Amino acid sequence: MSALSATWFKRPFAALVIWLLCVIGAVIGLAWLTLAIFGRSERAHRIALAFDQAANAAFGGSEDMTISTRAALAEVDGDRWALALCWLLDQVDPGHCARCRKDQP
């Protein structure tokens, strides 16, 4: 991470501009996600994946990992939140967490 990108949050105006750009990006992303879902476009998966990774980062995880993968790895350790989330995900997509674990190096 460059020195410039690591210090933007120390300047209130810069942080506010970044926040505003993130809000605009999120609104545009949600609009495209909606259109892509109804258009049955592969773009819907890519946009949903980006939101998933952003949410994982917001909850303290890696920005390069989805919440599903994080939960799948934590499920092995018996973390309650991960057990609950993997159970829920498996109701929607059977074997989801197991596939996430298998995809990890």
N, C-alpha and C. Protein backbone atom coordinates (compact mmCIF):
# COMPACT_ATOMS: atom_id res chain seq x y z
N MET A 1 0.85 -1.17 0.00
CA MET A 1 0.00 0.00 0.00
C MET A 1 0.89 1.23 0.00
N SER A 2 0.62 2.17 -0.87
CA SER A 2 1.43 3.37 -0.94
C SER A 2 1.16 4.28 0.25
N ALA A 3 2.10 5.19 0.49
CA ALA A 3 1.94 6.12 1.61
C ALA A 3 0.71 6.99 1.43
N LEU A 4 0.43 7.38 0.19
CA LEU A 4 -0.74 8.22 -0.07
C LEU A 4 -2.03 7.48 0.25
N SER A 5 -2.15 6.25 -0.22
CA SER A 5 -3.39 5.50 0.01
C SER A 5 -3.55 5.11 1.47
N ALA A 6 -2.45 5.04 2.21
CA ALA A 6 -2.54 4.66 3.62
C ALA A 6 -2.90 5.83 4.52
N THR A 7 -2.82 7.05 4.01
CA THR A 7 -3.06 8.21 4.87
C THR A 7 -4.32 8.99 4.53
N TRP A 8 -5.07 8.59 3.51
CA TRP A 8 -6.24 9.37 3.11
C TRP A 8 -7.25 9.50 4.23
N PHE A 9 -7.37 8.47 5.09
CA PHE A 9 -8.37 8.49 6.15
C PHE A 9 -8.02 9.46 7.27
N LYS A 10 -6.81 9.97 7.29
CA LYS A 10 -6.40 10.93 8.32
C LYS A 10 -6.86 12.35 8.00
N ARG A 11 -7.27 12.57 6.75
CA ARG A 11 -7.75 13.89 6.34
C ARG A 11 -9.26 13.82 6.17
N PRO A 12 -10.01 14.51 7.02
CA PRO A 12 -11.48 14.40 7.01
C PRO A 12 -12.11 14.67 5.65
N PHE A 13 -11.65 15.69 4.92
CA PHE A 13 -12.26 16.00 3.64
C PHE A 13 -12.01 14.86 2.64
N ALA A 14 -10.79 14.36 2.62
CA ALA A 14 -10.46 13.26 1.71
C ALA A 14 -11.28 12.02 2.06
N ALA A 15 -11.43 11.75 3.35
CA ALA A 15 -12.22 10.60 3.77
C ALA A 15 -13.68 10.76 3.36
N LEU A 16 -14.20 11.97 3.45
CA LEU A 16 -15.59 12.23 3.06
C LEU A 16 -15.77 12.04 1.55
N VAL A 17 -14.80 12.49 0.76
CA VAL A 17 -14.87 12.30 -0.69
C VAL A 17 -14.82 10.81 -1.03
N ILE A 18 -13.93 10.08 -0.40
CA ILE A 18 -13.84 8.63 -0.63
C ILE A 18 -15.16 7.96 -0.24
N TRP A 19 -15.73 8.36 0.91
CA TRP A 19 -17.00 7.80 1.36
C TRP A 19 -18.10 8.06 0.33
N LEU A 20 -18.16 9.29 -0.16
CA LEU A 20 -19.18 9.65 -1.15
C LEU A 20 -19.00 8.84 -2.44
N LEU A 21 -17.78 8.68 -2.88
CA LEU A 21 -17.52 7.86 -4.08
C LEU A 21 -17.92 6.40 -3.85
N CYS A 22 -17.70 5.90 -2.65
CA CYS A 22 -18.11 4.53 -2.33
C CYS A 22 -19.63 4.39 -2.36
N VAL A 23 -20.34 5.38 -1.84
CA VAL A 23 -21.80 5.37 -1.87
C VAL A 23 -22.30 5.37 -3.31
N ILE A 24 -21.72 6.23 -4.13
CA ILE A 24 -22.12 6.29 -5.53
C ILE A 24 -21.83 4.96 -6.22
N GLY A 25 -20.66 4.40 -5.95
CA GLY A 25 -20.30 3.10 -6.53
C GLY A 25 -21.25 2.00 -6.09
N ALA A 26 -21.65 2.02 -4.83
CA ALA A 26 -22.57 1.00 -4.33
C ALA A 26 -23.94 1.12 -4.99
N VAL A 27 -24.42 2.33 -5.15
CA VAL A 27 -25.73 2.54 -5.80
C VAL A 27 -25.68 2.08 -7.26
N ILE A 28 -24.62 2.45 -7.95
CA ILE A 28 -24.47 2.01 -9.34
C ILE A 28 -24.34 0.49 -9.41
N GLY A 29 -23.55 -0.08 -8.49
CA GLY A 29 -23.39 -1.54 -8.45
C GLY A 29 -24.70 -2.26 -8.21
N LEU A 30 -25.51 -1.74 -7.28
CA LEU A 30 -26.81 -2.36 -7.02
C LEU A 30 -27.75 -2.24 -8.22
N ALA A 31 -27.69 -1.11 -8.91
CA ALA A 31 -28.52 -0.93 -10.10
C ALA A 31 -28.11 -1.93 -11.19
N TRP A 32 -26.80 -2.04 -11.42
CA TRP A 32 -26.33 -3.00 -12.42
C TRP A 32 -26.64 -4.44 -12.01
N LEU A 33 -26.53 -4.73 -10.71
CA LEU A 33 -26.85 -6.07 -10.23
C LEU A 33 -28.30 -6.41 -10.52
N THR A 34 -29.19 -5.46 -10.26
CA THR A 34 -30.62 -5.68 -10.54
C THR A 34 -30.86 -5.94 -12.02
N LEU A 35 -30.27 -5.10 -12.86
CA LEU A 35 -30.43 -5.28 -14.31
C LEU A 35 -29.84 -6.61 -14.78
N ALA A 36 -28.69 -6.97 -14.22
CA ALA A 36 -28.03 -8.21 -14.62
C ALA A 36 -28.83 -9.44 -14.18
N ILE A 37 -29.47 -9.36 -13.02
CA ILE A 37 -30.30 -10.48 -12.56
C ILE A 37 -31.47 -10.68 -13.51
N PHE A 38 -32.16 -9.59 -13.82
CA PHE A 38 -33.32 -9.71 -14.71
C PHE A 38 -32.91 -10.04 -16.14
N GLY A 39 -31.70 -9.64 -16.52
CA GLY A 39 -31.20 -9.96 -17.85
C GLY A 39 -30.50 -11.29 -17.92
N ARG A 40 -30.46 -11.99 -16.78
CA ARG A 40 -29.79 -13.29 -16.68
C ARG A 40 -28.35 -13.24 -17.20
N SER A 41 -27.67 -12.17 -16.83
CA SER A 41 -26.30 -11.95 -17.27
C SER A 41 -25.31 -12.53 -16.26
N GLU A 42 -24.16 -12.99 -16.76
CA GLU A 42 -23.09 -13.48 -15.90
C GLU A 42 -22.53 -12.34 -15.04
N ARG A 43 -22.76 -11.10 -15.47
CA ARG A 43 -22.30 -9.95 -14.71
C ARG A 43 -22.89 -9.95 -13.30
N ALA A 44 -24.09 -10.48 -13.12
CA ALA A 44 -24.74 -10.52 -11.81
C ALA A 44 -23.86 -11.25 -10.81
N HIS A 45 -23.27 -12.36 -11.21
CA HIS A 45 -22.42 -13.13 -10.29
C HIS A 45 -21.18 -12.33 -9.91
N ARG A 46 -20.56 -11.67 -10.87
CA ARG A 46 -19.35 -10.89 -10.58
C ARG A 46 -19.65 -9.72 -9.64
N ILE A 47 -20.78 -9.05 -9.86
CA ILE A 47 -21.14 -7.92 -8.99
C ILE A 47 -21.47 -8.42 -7.58
N ALA A 48 -22.23 -9.51 -7.49
CA ALA A 48 -22.57 -10.07 -6.18
C ALA A 48 -21.30 -10.50 -5.44
N LEU A 49 -20.36 -11.08 -6.16
CA LEU A 49 -19.09 -11.49 -5.56
C LEU A 49 -18.34 -10.29 -5.00
N ALA A 50 -18.35 -9.18 -5.73
CA ALA A 50 -17.68 -7.96 -5.26
C ALA A 50 -18.32 -7.43 -3.98
N PHE A 51 -19.66 -7.44 -3.92
CA PHE A 51 -20.35 -7.01 -2.70
C PHE A 51 -20.04 -7.96 -1.54
N ASP A 52 -19.96 -9.26 -1.84
CA ASP A 52 -19.65 -10.26 -0.83
C ASP A 52 -18.26 -10.00 -0.24
N GLN A 53 -17.29 -9.75 -1.09
CA GLN A 53 -15.93 -9.48 -0.61
C GLN A 53 -15.87 -8.16 0.18
N ALA A 54 -16.61 -7.16 -0.28
CA ALA A 54 -16.63 -5.89 0.45
C ALA A 54 -17.25 -6.06 1.83
N ALA A 55 -18.31 -6.85 1.91
CA ALA A 55 -18.95 -7.10 3.21
C ALA A 55 -17.99 -7.85 4.12
N ASN A 56 -17.25 -8.81 3.58
CA ASN A 56 -16.29 -9.55 4.39
C ASN A 56 -15.22 -8.61 4.94
N ALA A 57 -14.74 -7.69 4.11
CA ALA A 57 -13.75 -6.71 4.58
C ALA A 57 -14.36 -5.82 5.66
N ALA A 58 -15.62 -5.42 5.48
CA ALA A 58 -16.29 -4.57 6.47
C ALA A 58 -16.42 -5.27 7.82
N PHE A 59 -16.54 -6.60 7.79
CA PHE A 59 -16.65 -7.37 9.04
C PHE A 59 -15.29 -7.80 9.58
N GLY A 60 -14.21 -7.27 9.00
CA GLY A 60 -12.88 -7.53 9.54
C GLY A 60 -12.11 -8.62 8.83
N GLY A 61 -12.65 -9.17 7.76
CA GLY A 61 -11.95 -10.21 7.02
C GLY A 61 -11.14 -9.62 5.88
N SER A 62 -10.59 -10.53 5.08
CA SER A 62 -9.79 -10.12 3.93
C SER A 62 -10.68 -9.62 2.81
N GLU A 63 -10.23 -8.57 2.12
CA GLU A 63 -10.99 -8.06 0.98
C GLU A 63 -10.91 -9.00 -0.22
N ASP A 64 -10.05 -9.99 -0.14
CA ASP A 64 -9.91 -10.96 -1.23
C ASP A 64 -10.66 -12.26 -0.96
N MET A 65 -11.42 -12.31 0.11
CA MET A 65 -12.14 -13.53 0.49
C MET A 65 -13.62 -13.24 0.66
N THR A 66 -14.45 -14.18 0.26
CA THR A 66 -15.88 -14.01 0.45
C THR A 66 -16.27 -14.41 1.87
N ILE A 67 -17.44 -13.97 2.28
CA ILE A 67 -17.94 -14.35 3.59
C ILE A 67 -18.14 -15.86 3.65
N SER A 68 -18.57 -16.46 2.54
CA SER A 68 -18.79 -17.91 2.49
C SER A 68 -17.50 -18.67 2.78
N THR A 69 -16.42 -18.25 2.15
CA THR A 69 -15.13 -18.93 2.36
C THR A 69 -14.66 -18.73 3.79
N ARG A 70 -14.80 -17.52 4.30
CA ARG A 70 -14.41 -17.26 5.69
C ARG A 70 -15.22 -18.13 6.65
N ALA A 71 -16.52 -18.24 6.39
CA ALA A 71 -17.38 -19.07 7.24
C ALA A 71 -17.00 -20.55 7.11
N ALA A 72 -16.72 -20.99 5.89
CA ALA A 72 -16.35 -22.39 5.68
C ALA A 72 -15.09 -22.75 6.45
N LEU A 73 -14.11 -21.86 6.47
CA LEU A 73 -12.87 -22.12 7.21
C LEU A 73 -13.11 -22.06 8.72
N ALA A 74 -13.95 -21.13 9.16
CA ALA A 74 -14.25 -21.02 10.60
C ALA A 74 -15.15 -22.14 11.08
N GLU A 75 -15.92 -22.73 10.18
CA GLU A 75 -16.81 -23.85 10.54
C GLU A 75 -15.99 -25.03 11.04
N VAL A 76 -14.83 -25.24 10.44
CA VAL A 76 -13.95 -26.34 10.85
C VAL A 76 -13.53 -26.17 12.31
N ASP A 77 -13.36 -24.92 12.74
CA ASP A 77 -12.98 -24.63 14.13
C ASP A 77 -14.17 -24.65 15.08
N GLY A 78 -15.37 -24.81 14.52
CA GLY A 78 -16.57 -24.88 15.35
C GLY A 78 -17.14 -23.54 15.78
N ASP A 79 -16.74 -22.46 15.12
CA ASP A 79 -17.29 -21.14 15.46
C ASP A 79 -18.79 -21.13 15.21
N ARG A 80 -19.54 -20.70 16.22
CA ARG A 80 -21.02 -20.76 16.12
C ARG A 80 -21.58 -19.97 14.95
N TRP A 81 -21.06 -18.75 14.74
CA TRP A 81 -21.56 -17.93 13.64
C TRP A 81 -21.34 -18.64 12.30
N ALA A 82 -20.19 -19.32 12.18
CA ALA A 82 -19.87 -20.01 10.93
C ALA A 82 -20.76 -21.24 10.76
N LEU A 83 -21.01 -21.96 11.84
CA LEU A 83 -21.90 -23.12 11.76
C LEU A 83 -23.29 -22.68 11.31
N ALA A 84 -23.77 -21.58 11.88
CA ALA A 84 -25.11 -21.09 11.52
C ALA A 84 -25.15 -20.61 10.07
N LEU A 85 -24.14 -19.84 9.66
CA LEU A 85 -24.13 -19.33 8.30
C LEU A 85 -23.98 -20.45 7.28
N CYS A 86 -23.11 -21.42 7.55
CA CYS A 86 -22.94 -22.53 6.62
C CYS A 86 -24.22 -23.37 6.54
N TRP A 87 -24.91 -23.53 7.66
CA TRP A 87 -26.18 -24.26 7.62
C TRP A 87 -27.17 -23.52 6.71
N LEU A 88 -27.25 -22.19 6.88
CA LEU A 88 -28.16 -21.39 6.06
C LEU A 88 -27.78 -21.45 4.58
N LEU A 89 -26.50 -21.29 4.29
CA LEU A 89 -26.04 -21.33 2.90
C LEU A 89 -26.30 -22.71 2.28
N ASP A 90 -26.13 -23.76 3.07
CA ASP A 90 -26.36 -25.11 2.56
C ASP A 90 -27.84 -25.38 2.29
N GLN A 91 -28.73 -24.62 2.94
CA GLN A 91 -30.16 -24.76 2.65
C GLN A 91 -30.47 -24.20 1.26
N VAL A 92 -29.77 -23.14 0.90
CA VAL A 92 -29.98 -22.48 -0.39
C VAL A 92 -29.19 -23.19 -1.49
N ASP A 93 -27.97 -23.58 -1.17
CA ASP A 93 -27.05 -24.19 -2.14
C ASP A 93 -26.33 -25.34 -1.45
N PRO A 94 -26.89 -26.56 -1.50
CA PRO A 94 -26.28 -27.70 -0.80
C PRO A 94 -24.79 -27.88 -1.14
N GLY A 95 -23.98 -28.03 -0.09
CA GLY A 95 -22.55 -28.24 -0.25
C GLY A 95 -21.74 -26.97 -0.48
N HIS A 96 -22.38 -25.80 -0.28
CA HIS A 96 -21.72 -24.52 -0.57
C HIS A 96 -20.43 -24.36 0.23
N CYS A 97 -20.49 -24.51 1.53
CA CYS A 97 -19.30 -24.29 2.37
C CYS A 97 -18.23 -25.34 2.09
N ALA A 98 -18.62 -26.57 1.84
CA ALA A 98 -17.65 -27.61 1.53
C ALA A 98 -16.88 -27.26 0.25
N ARG A 99 -17.59 -26.75 -0.75
CA ARG A 99 -16.92 -26.35 -2.00
C ARG A 99 -16.00 -25.17 -1.76
N CYS A 100 -16.40 -24.24 -0.89
CA CYS A 100 -15.54 -23.09 -0.57
C CYS A 100 -14.25 -23.54 0.07
N ARG A 101 -14.32 -24.51 0.98
CA ARG A 101 -13.11 -25.03 1.63
C ARG A 101 -12.22 -25.72 0.61
N LYS A 102 -12.83 -26.47 -0.29
CA LYS A 102 -12.07 -27.23 -1.28
C LYS A 102 -11.33 -26.31 -2.24
N ASP A 103 -11.87 -25.14 -2.50
CA ASP A 103 -11.25 -24.19 -3.42
C ASP A 103 -10.06 -23.45 -2.82
N GLN A 104 -9.86 -23.57 -1.51
CA GLN A 104 -8.73 -22.88 -0.85
C GLN A 104 -7.45 -23.67 -1.02
N PRO A 105 -6.32 -22.96 -1.18
CA PRO A 105 -5.02 -23.65 -1.36
C PRO A 105 -4.57 -24.35 -0.10
